[in-house]
């Protein structure tokens, strides 16, 4: 019985010793092994063997890319404003030995280095530049951190500023400024729209006036061309029919009363009236002198022509017609004056 107990104890010890020599490292993990307190090796993922009671695991590190978000830190800008800046850091362990033995706490070291770098950068910039230069700040932070953490076995892949919080009074002032800018842009857009509307309306009125003037001009041109054509046809008809002087003189005297029918306040007797009367007299005289003698019939009886008025009678008749025309013209002028008055 005692022998069996001793055997079981020995088997347990052997199993424990064998189990302590085996180390299984998960994927994306690294184990730093120390032998008698001194770094010996870094175990890779998979099955590994160590010497029990001699080798021990000092640190277990994750070599995947890790996100570290720092707490908001107060930073003073160049224009003496305190802003709280919150950063996000993306890093990865590339050398587990250096990460474990070159720095005591690499996260704290990275955090403090980020704060000091931000204070140096933001201290040389005003608030407006800080708010609008995030890309510049991120690039500068990544450059400084990557250079400092290289010897720690850490690679900084990316640094982002998550938030920049100015004081409440500055936020209120910025909101007022933004509201004023929006009101200004709205007023400018409204004024530009009104200006464009007035310009379009003026151009439309101008085009309308131009078209109306062109229409009136075209109408007058057509009317003048029509009158010219009518006069030309009348002139051609007179010359084609070979009107004698008596007809022309009569038409001339016939047109005298119509001179006062156009609303004129006075009436002028043309100077050609005497010439017209002479023409009428000459026409009647020529007519009287050109009358042929009486024809003799076959029976020998002479037929007498109808009596022809003498020149004096023709002149008196023409003077009478002219006087009547003048009187009619005076009446038309007086009627027109009454209408105008």
Protein backbone atom coordinates (compact mmCIF):
# COMPACT_ATOMS: atom_id res chain seq x y z
CA UNK A 1 0.00 0.00 0.00
CA UNK A 2 2.74 2.38 0.86
CA UNK A 3 4.57 1.37 -2.30
CA UNK A 4 1.53 2.23 -4.40
CA UNK A 5 1.24 5.62 -2.77
CA UNK A 6 4.91 6.35 -3.48
CA UNK A 7 4.46 5.35 -7.12
CA UNK A 8 1.46 7.61 -7.51
CA UNK A 9 3.35 10.53 -6.02
CA UNK A 10 6.27 9.94 -8.34
CA UNK A 11 3.98 9.76 -11.38
CA UNK A 12 2.30 13.01 -10.33
CA UNK A 13 5.65 14.67 -9.98
CA UNK A 14 6.77 13.44 -13.38
CA UNK A 15 3.53 14.62 -15.02
CA UNK A 16 3.82 18.01 -13.33
CA UNK A 17 7.41 18.34 -14.43
CA UNK A 18 6.58 17.42 -18.02
CA UNK A 19 3.61 19.84 -18.05
CA UNK A 20 5.76 22.66 -16.74
CA UNK A 21 8.17 22.20 -19.59
CA UNK A 22 5.48 22.81 -22.24
CA UNK A 23 4.37 26.34 -23.15
CA UNK A 24 1.63 26.88 -25.80
CA UNK A 25 1.69 30.46 -27.15
CA UNK A 26 -1.52 31.72 -28.86
CA UNK A 27 -1.45 33.44 -32.24
CA UNK A 28 -0.42 37.15 -32.17
CA UNK A 29 1.11 36.71 -28.73
CA UNK A 30 4.74 36.78 -27.60
CA UNK A 31 6.19 35.46 -24.34
CA UNK A 32 9.49 36.71 -22.97
CA UNK A 33 11.39 33.92 -21.15
CA UNK A 34 13.96 34.58 -18.40
CA UNK A 35 16.45 32.05 -17.08
CA UNK A 36 17.62 32.75 -13.57
CA UNK A 37 16.29 36.31 -13.93
CA UNK A 38 18.00 37.04 -17.23
CA UNK A 39 16.30 37.37 -20.61
CA UNK A 40 16.81 34.23 -22.63
CA UNK A 41 14.30 34.02 -25.53
CA UNK A 42 10.93 35.18 -26.83
CA UNK A 43 8.53 32.33 -27.46
CA UNK A 44 6.69 32.37 -30.81
CA UNK A 45 3.10 31.16 -31.33
CA UNK A 46 2.70 27.39 -31.07
CA UNK A 47 4.22 24.62 -28.91
CA UNK A 48 7.36 25.57 -26.98
CA UNK A 49 9.47 23.81 -24.31
CA UNK A 50 11.22 25.34 -21.30
CA UNK A 51 13.19 24.00 -18.37
CA UNK A 52 11.03 23.80 -15.26
CA UNK A 53 12.18 25.73 -12.21
CA UNK A 54 14.85 27.38 -14.40
CA UNK A 55 12.97 29.25 -17.10
CA UNK A 56 9.96 31.44 -16.37
CA UNK A 57 7.64 33.71 -18.42
CA UNK A 58 8.35 37.35 -17.62
CA UNK A 59 5.89 39.23 -19.90
CA UNK A 60 3.10 38.30 -22.26
CA UNK A 61 2.66 40.80 -25.06
CA UNK A 62 0.03 41.28 -27.79
CA UNK A 63 1.63 42.20 -31.13
CA UNK A 64 -1.62 43.17 -32.86
CA UNK A 65 -2.35 46.81 -33.72
CA UNK A 66 -3.89 48.40 -30.64
CA UNK A 67 -5.94 51.55 -30.13
CA UNK A 68 -5.14 53.77 -27.17
CA UNK A 69 -7.37 56.72 -26.32
CA UNK A 70 -5.91 59.27 -23.97
CA UNK A 71 -7.85 61.45 -21.58
CA UNK A 72 -8.52 65.11 -22.54
CA UNK A 73 -5.56 67.25 -21.64
CA UNK A 74 -5.55 71.08 -21.25
CA UNK A 75 -3.33 72.88 -23.73
CA UNK A 76 -2.71 76.65 -23.98
CA UNK A 77 -2.75 78.22 -27.43
CA UNK A 78 -0.67 81.14 -28.65
CA UNK A 79 -3.53 83.58 -27.94
CA UNK A 80 -3.70 82.37 -24.30
CA UNK A 81 -6.79 80.21 -24.59
CA UNK A 82 -7.06 76.89 -22.78
CA UNK A 83 -8.42 74.06 -24.92
CA UNK A 84 -8.89 70.40 -24.04
CA UNK A 85 -7.50 68.01 -26.64
CA UNK A 86 -8.33 64.33 -26.79
CA UNK A 87 -6.13 62.08 -28.96
CA UNK A 88 -6.41 58.53 -30.31
CA UNK A 89 -3.25 56.48 -30.92
CA UNK A 90 -2.84 53.39 -33.12
CA UNK A 91 0.34 51.46 -32.30
CA UNK A 92 1.83 48.01 -32.73
CA UNK A 93 4.63 46.14 -30.88
CA UNK A 94 7.32 45.11 -33.30
CA UNK A 95 10.02 44.02 -30.80
CA UNK A 96 8.65 42.31 -27.63
CA UNK A 97 12.06 42.30 -25.94
CA UNK A 98 12.53 46.07 -26.29
CA UNK A 99 8.92 46.75 -25.29
CA UNK A 100 9.49 44.79 -22.08
CA UNK A 101 13.01 45.88 -21.16
CA UNK A 102 13.64 49.29 -22.78
CA UNK A 103 10.77 51.12 -21.09
CA UNK A 104 8.96 50.41 -17.86
CA UNK A 105 5.46 51.34 -19.08
CA UNK A 106 5.29 52.07 -22.78
CA UNK A 107 1.63 53.26 -22.68
CA UNK A 108 2.37 55.87 -20.04
CA UNK A 109 5.48 56.93 -21.91
CA UNK A 110 3.54 57.32 -25.14
CA UNK A 111 0.80 59.29 -23.36
CA UNK A 112 3.23 61.73 -21.77
CA UNK A 113 5.15 62.15 -25.01
CA UNK A 114 1.89 62.92 -26.83
CA UNK A 115 0.94 65.58 -24.28
CA UNK A 116 4.31 67.35 -24.40
CA UNK A 117 4.37 67.28 -28.19
CA UNK A 118 0.84 68.72 -28.38
CA UNK A 119 1.74 71.52 -25.99
CA UNK A 120 4.75 72.43 -28.08
CA UNK A 121 2.71 72.42 -31.30
CA UNK A 122 -0.44 74.15 -30.03
CA UNK A 123 1.59 76.73 -28.11
CA UNK A 124 2.81 78.16 -31.40
CA UNK A 125 -0.67 78.32 -32.99
CA UNK A 126 -3.77 80.39 -32.29
CA UNK A 127 -7.21 78.90 -31.76
CA UNK A 128 -8.36 79.28 -35.34
CA UNK A 129 -5.22 77.64 -36.70
CA UNK A 130 -5.58 74.84 -34.15
CA UNK A 131 -9.13 74.11 -35.26
CA UNK A 132 -8.26 74.15 -38.97
CA UNK A 133 -4.85 72.41 -38.89
CA UNK A 134 -5.69 68.95 -37.62
CA UNK A 135 -3.90 67.19 -40.45
CA UNK A 136 -0.72 69.14 -39.77
CA UNK A 137 -0.90 68.37 -36.05
CA UNK A 138 -1.55 64.67 -36.69
CA UNK A 139 1.40 64.37 -39.08
CA UNK A 140 3.74 66.15 -36.66
CA UNK A 141 2.60 63.98 -33.74
CA UNK A 142 3.10 60.77 -35.68
CA UNK A 143 6.58 61.85 -36.76
CA UNK A 144 7.69 62.66 -33.19
CA UNK A 145 6.11 59.56 -31.61
CA UNK A 146 7.39 57.17 -34.26
CA UNK A 147 10.91 58.49 -33.82
CA UNK A 148 10.79 58.22 -30.02
CA UNK A 149 9.04 54.84 -29.76
CA UNK A 150 11.25 53.10 -32.34
CA UNK A 151 13.83 52.20 -29.73
CA UNK A 152 11.05 50.84 -27.51
CA UNK A 153 10.08 48.26 -30.10
CA UNK A 154 6.80 50.04 -30.88
CA UNK A 155 5.61 51.44 -34.21
CA UNK A 156 3.04 54.25 -34.17
CA UNK A 157 0.85 53.72 -37.23
CA UNK A 158 -1.53 56.64 -36.82
CA UNK A 159 -2.35 59.52 -34.49
CA UNK A 160 -5.70 61.33 -34.61
CA UNK A 161 -7.05 64.27 -32.65
CA UNK A 162 -10.47 63.11 -31.52
CA UNK A 163 -11.75 66.37 -30.07
CA UNK A 164 -10.68 69.97 -29.47
CA UNK A 165 -12.89 71.61 -26.86
CA UNK A 166 -12.47 75.39 -26.41
CA UNK A 167 -13.95 77.17 -23.36
CA UNK A 168 -17.69 77.77 -23.17
CA UNK A 169 -17.34 81.51 -23.74
CA UNK A 170 -15.31 80.89 -26.87
CA UNK A 171 -17.91 78.40 -28.12
CA UNK A 172 -20.65 80.98 -27.64
CA UNK A 173 -18.63 83.63 -29.47
CA UNK A 174 -17.90 81.20 -32.31
CA UNK A 175 -21.59 80.35 -32.61
CA UNK A 176 -22.46 84.05 -32.82
CA UNK A 177 -19.79 84.57 -35.46
CA UNK A 178 -21.05 81.63 -37.49
CA UNK A 179 -24.62 82.91 -37.21
CA UNK A 180 -23.51 86.37 -38.36
CA UNK A 181 -21.63 84.85 -41.30
CA UNK A 182 -24.72 82.87 -42.34
CA UNK A 183 -26.91 85.99 -42.07
CA UNK A 184 -24.36 87.90 -44.14
CA UNK A 185 -24.29 85.23 -46.84
CA UNK A 186 -28.10 85.11 -46.88
CA UNK A 187 -28.30 88.91 -47.25
CA UNK A 188 -25.73 88.85 -50.04
CA UNK A 189 -27.57 86.09 -51.88
CA UNK A 190 -30.86 87.96 -51.49
CA UNK A 191 -29.30 91.19 -52.80
CA UNK A 192 -27.70 89.38 -55.73
CA UNK A 193 -31.02 87.74 -56.59
CA UNK A 194 -32.83 91.09 -56.45
CA UNK A 195 -30.11 92.70 -58.58
CA UNK A 196 -30.36 89.94 -61.16
CA UNK A 197 -34.15 90.31 -61.18
CA UNK A 198 -33.94 94.07 -61.75
CA UNK A 199 -31.37 93.60 -64.51
CA UNK A 200 -33.55 91.03 -66.26
CA UNK A 201 -36.60 93.25 -65.90
CA UNK A 202 -34.69 96.24 -67.31
CA UNK A 203 -33.42 94.16 -70.21
CA UNK A 204 -36.96 92.97 -70.90
CA UNK A 205 -38.27 96.55 -70.87
CA UNK A 206 -35.43 97.62 -73.16
CA UNK A 207 -36.11 94.79 -75.58
CA UNK A 208 -39.81 95.63 -75.53
CA UNK A 209 -39.10 99.31 -76.30
CA UNK A 210 -36.70 98.35 -79.07
CA UNK A 211 -39.22 95.96 -80.63
CA UNK A 212 -42.02 98.51 -80.39
CA UNK A 213 -39.80 101.20 -81.97
CA UNK A 214 -38.78 98.81 -84.73
CA UNK A 215 -42.43 97.92 -85.29
CA UNK A 216 -43.44 101.59 -85.49
CA UNK A 217 -40.55 102.30 -87.82
CA UNK A 218 -41.50 99.39 -90.05
CA UNK A 219 -45.13 100.52 -90.06
CA UNK A 220 -44.15 104.05 -91.02
CA UNK A 221 -41.84 102.76 -93.73
CA UNK A 222 -44.61 100.58 -95.13
CA UNK A 223 -47.10 103.46 -94.93
CA UNK A 224 -44.66 105.80 -96.70
CA UNK A 225 -43.97 103.17 -99.32
CA UNK A 226 -47.73 102.75 -99.81
CA UNK A 227 -48.24 106.51 -100.20
CA UNK A 228 -45.31 106.70 -102.59
CA UNK A 229 -46.73 103.85 -104.64
CA UNK A 230 -50.16 105.50 -104.70
CA UNK A 231 -48.70 108.84 -105.79
CA UNK A 232 -46.63 107.11 -108.42
CA UNK A 233 -49.69 105.33 -109.77
CA UNK A 234 -51.70 108.58 -109.81
CA UNK A 235 -48.83 110.33 -111.59
CA UNK A 236 -48.59 107.51 -114.12
CA UNK A 237 -52.37 107.53 -114.62
CA UNK A 238 -52.40 111.29 -115.23
CA UNK A 239 -49.61 111.10 -117.77
CA UNK A 240 -50.96 107.95 -119.34
CA UNK A 241 -54.43 109.53 -119.89
CA UNK A 242 -52.88 112.82 -121.09
CA UNK A 243 -55.11 115.06 -118.94
CA UNK A 244 -55.55 118.55 -120.42
CA UNK A 245 -54.86 121.81 -118.58
CA UNK A 246 -58.54 122.46 -117.88
CA UNK A 247 -58.96 119.24 -115.90
CA UNK A 248 -55.75 119.83 -113.92
CA UNK A 249 -56.73 123.41 -113.13
CA UNK A 250 -60.19 122.31 -112.05
CA UNK A 251 -58.75 119.61 -109.74
CA UNK A 252 -56.36 122.20 -108.33
CA UNK A 253 -59.23 124.56 -107.49
CA UNK A 254 -61.26 121.63 -106.17
CA UNK A 255 -58.56 120.84 -103.57
CA UNK A 256 -58.50 124.36 -102.10
CA UNK A 257 -61.40 123.82 -99.62
CA UNK A 258 -59.74 120.70 -98.21
CA UNK A 259 -56.76 122.73 -97.00
CA UNK A 260 -58.77 124.01 -94.04
CA UNK A 261 -60.06 120.57 -93.02
CA UNK A 262 -56.91 119.54 -91.07
CA UNK A 263 -57.49 121.57 -87.91
CA UNK A 264 -55.24 124.52 -88.84
CA UNK A 265 -55.87 127.79 -87.00
CA UNK A 266 -55.17 129.82 -90.15
CA UNK A 267 -55.55 129.18 -93.87
CA UNK A 268 -53.14 130.22 -96.58
CA UNK A 269 -54.24 130.81 -100.19
CA UNK A 270 -51.49 129.41 -102.41
CA UNK A 271 -49.76 131.78 -104.78
CA UNK A 272 -50.50 129.51 -107.72
CA UNK A 273 -54.21 130.50 -107.60
CA UNK A 274 -53.69 133.26 -110.18
CA UNK A 275 -51.75 130.88 -112.38
CA UNK A 276 -54.54 128.33 -112.04
CA UNK A 277 -57.13 130.95 -113.05
CA UNK A 278 -55.01 131.85 -116.05
CA UNK A 279 -54.77 128.21 -116.97
CA UNK A 280 -58.57 127.83 -116.78
CA UNK A 281 -59.03 131.01 -118.85
CA UNK A 282 -56.52 129.84 -121.41
CA UNK A 283 -58.17 126.43 -121.56
CA UNK A 284 -61.58 127.94 -122.25
CA UNK A 285 -60.08 130.39 -124.76
CA UNK A 286 -58.33 127.57 -126.60
CA UNK A 287 -61.54 125.61 -126.58
CA UNK A 288 -63.48 128.51 -128.01
CA UNK A 289 -60.95 129.18 -130.77
CA UNK A 290 -60.65 125.55 -131.73
CA UNK A 291 -64.36 125.10 -132.37
CA UNK A 292 -64.96 124.11 -135.98
CA UNK A 293 -67.55 125.96 -138.16
CA UNK A 294 -71.06 124.68 -138.69
CA UNK A 295 -71.43 121.72 -140.92
CA UNK A 296 -73.61 121.90 -143.98
CA UNK A 297 -76.02 119.08 -144.40
CA UNK A 298 -76.72 117.30 -147.63
CA UNK A 299 -79.88 119.37 -148.07
CA UNK A 300 -77.79 122.49 -147.97
CA UNK A 301 -79.01 123.58 -144.51
CA UNK A 302 -76.34 124.77 -142.19
CA UNK A 303 -76.40 123.43 -138.63
CA UNK A 304 -75.21 125.95 -136.12
CA UNK A 305 -73.01 124.91 -133.25
CA UNK A 306 -74.15 125.59 -129.71
CA UNK A 307 -73.10 128.95 -128.35
CA UNK A 308 -69.67 129.02 -126.73
CA UNK A 309 -69.09 131.26 -123.69
CA UNK A 310 -66.81 134.20 -124.26
CA UNK A 311 -63.41 134.49 -122.51
CA UNK A 312 -64.75 137.16 -120.21
CA UNK A 313 -67.56 134.83 -119.12
CA UNK A 314 -65.06 132.05 -118.52
CA UNK A 315 -62.93 134.34 -116.40
CA UNK A 316 -65.90 135.50 -114.40
CA UNK A 317 -66.99 131.91 -113.88
CA UNK A 318 -63.52 130.91 -112.71
CA UNK A 319 -63.34 133.90 -110.36
CA UNK A 320 -66.75 132.96 -109.01
CA UNK A 321 -65.62 129.35 -108.42
CA UNK A 322 -62.44 130.57 -106.74
CA UNK A 323 -64.39 132.95 -104.50
CA UNK A 324 -66.69 130.15 -103.51
CA UNK A 325 -63.68 127.93 -102.79
CA UNK A 326 -62.08 130.63 -100.64
CA UNK A 327 -65.33 131.20 -98.75
CA UNK A 328 -65.70 127.44 -98.15
CA UNK A 329 -62.12 127.30 -96.92
CA UNK A 330 -62.75 130.17 -94.49
CA UNK A 331 -65.82 128.40 -93.15
CA UNK A 332 -63.87 125.18 -92.64
CA UNK A 333 -61.09 127.12 -90.88
CA UNK A 334 -63.58 128.87 -88.58
CA UNK A 335 -65.22 125.50 -87.76
CA UNK A 336 -61.83 124.02 -86.98
CA UNK A 337 -61.00 127.00 -84.69
CA UNK A 338 -64.26 126.46 -82.80
CA UNK A 339 -63.51 122.79 -82.38
CA UNK A 340 -59.99 123.50 -81.11
CA UNK A 341 -61.15 126.32 -78.83
